[in-house]
Amino acid sequence: MQADKSDALKRLKYIEGHLNGIRKMIEEDKYCVDILRQTYAVRKAIEKLEALLVKGHLQTCVPDGIKNGDTDKIIEELVQLYNLAGGKE
């Protein structure tokens, strides 16, 4: 899990850098399409971070929770995540 944590922190630094760049572009009245390209890059970076976190959760927390008898709680959490990601209830 340490490698996943390190990767997640690297991705967050990348996202923070892009957000700071976007702020600067807006302050400097840069061309809107160029700003939108950067916001798209941030959105994709967040999606990659989310995928990393979900993968880690599915590989560690879910099996541990099921082994500990928390199956209903784990299923409810997964349903909530699915709904947050745009799934249907």
Protein backbone atom coordinates (compact mmCIF):
# COMPACT_ATOMS: atom_id res chain seq x y z
CA MET A 1 0.00 0.00 0.00
CA GLN A 2 2.98 2.31 0.52
CA ALA A 3 3.62 2.44 -3.24
CA ASP A 4 -0.03 3.37 -3.83
CA LYS A 5 0.21 6.11 -1.20
CA SER A 6 3.35 7.48 -2.82
CA ASP A 7 1.71 7.39 -6.26
CA ALA A 8 -1.40 9.12 -4.90
CA LEU A 9 0.69 11.88 -3.33
CA LYS A 10 2.60 12.38 -6.60
CA ARG A 11 -0.67 12.66 -8.48
CA LEU A 12 -1.96 15.20 -5.96
CA LYS A 13 1.17 17.33 -6.39
CA TYR A 14 0.67 17.19 -10.16
CA ILE A 15 -2.97 18.27 -9.76
CA GLU A 16 -2.01 21.08 -7.38
CA GLY A 17 0.59 22.32 -9.85
CA HIS A 18 -1.94 22.35 -12.65
CA LEU A 19 -4.50 24.18 -10.49
CA ASN A 20 -1.93 26.84 -9.61
CA GLY A 21 -1.13 27.16 -13.30
CA ILE A 22 -4.80 27.60 -14.13
CA ARG A 23 -5.16 30.28 -11.44
CA LYS A 24 -2.20 32.14 -12.93
CA MET A 25 -3.60 31.82 -16.45
CA ILE A 26 -6.91 33.30 -15.31
CA GLU A 27 -5.15 36.13 -13.47
CA GLU A 28 -3.17 36.87 -16.63
CA ASP A 29 -6.30 36.75 -18.84
CA LYS A 30 -4.97 33.92 -20.97
CA TYR A 31 -6.98 32.55 -23.87
CA CYS A 32 -10.05 30.64 -22.63
CA VAL A 33 -9.43 27.56 -24.76
CA ASP A 34 -5.93 27.23 -23.31
CA ILE A 35 -7.37 27.41 -19.79
CA LEU A 36 -10.00 24.84 -20.65
CA ARG A 37 -7.31 22.47 -21.94
CA GLN A 38 -5.66 22.71 -18.54
CA THR A 39 -8.92 22.12 -16.67
CA TYR A 40 -9.43 19.03 -18.82
CA ALA A 41 -5.97 17.79 -17.83
CA VAL A 42 -6.84 18.32 -14.15
CA ARG A 43 -10.10 16.42 -14.54
CA LYS A 44 -8.27 13.49 -16.14
CA ALA A 45 -5.63 13.55 -13.41
CA ILE A 46 -8.35 13.44 -10.74
CA GLU A 47 -9.98 10.50 -12.52
CA LYS A 48 -6.64 8.65 -12.47
CA LEU A 49 -6.26 9.42 -8.76
CA GLU A 50 -9.77 8.14 -8.09
CA ALA A 51 -9.06 4.94 -10.03
CA LEU A 52 -5.90 4.40 -7.99
CA LEU A 53 -7.80 4.90 -4.72
CA VAL A 54 -10.66 2.61 -5.76
CA LYS A 55 -8.20 -0.09 -6.82
CA GLY A 56 -6.42 0.12 -3.48
CA HIS A 57 -9.73 -0.01 -1.63
CA LEU A 58 -10.87 -3.06 -3.59
CA GLN A 59 -7.56 -4.84 -3.04
CA THR A 60 -7.23 -4.16 0.70
CA CYS A 61 -10.19 -2.69 2.57
CA VAL A 62 -12.92 -4.70 0.86
CA PRO A 63 -11.38 -8.15 1.45
CA ASP A 64 -10.44 -7.19 5.02
CA GLY A 65 -13.95 -5.92 5.73
CA ILE A 66 -15.53 -9.08 4.38
CA LYS A 67 -13.15 -11.26 6.45
CA ASN A 68 -14.10 -9.23 9.54
CA GLY A 69 -17.82 -9.77 8.93
CA ASP A 70 -18.59 -6.24 7.71
CA THR A 71 -20.02 -7.43 4.39
CA ASP A 72 -23.18 -5.28 4.55
CA LYS A 73 -21.16 -2.16 5.36
CA ILE A 74 -18.72 -2.87 2.52
CA ILE A 75 -21.53 -3.42 0.03
CA GLU A 76 -23.23 -0.18 1.09
CA GLU A 77 -19.96 1.74 0.67
CA LEU A 78 -19.45 0.27 -2.80
CA VAL A 79 -23.01 1.20 -3.79
CA GLN A 80 -22.39 4.75 -2.55
CA LEU A 81 -19.17 4.97 -4.58
CA TYR A 82 -20.94 3.63 -7.64
CA ASN A 83 -23.68 6.25 -7.27
CA LEU A 84 -21.13 9.03 -6.78
CA ALA A 85 -19.40 7.92 -9.97
CA GLY A 86 -22.60 8.39 -11.93
CA GLY A 87 -24.20 5.01 -11.60
CA LYS A 88 -27.91 4.56 -11.11
CA GLU A 89 -29.54 3.49 -7.91
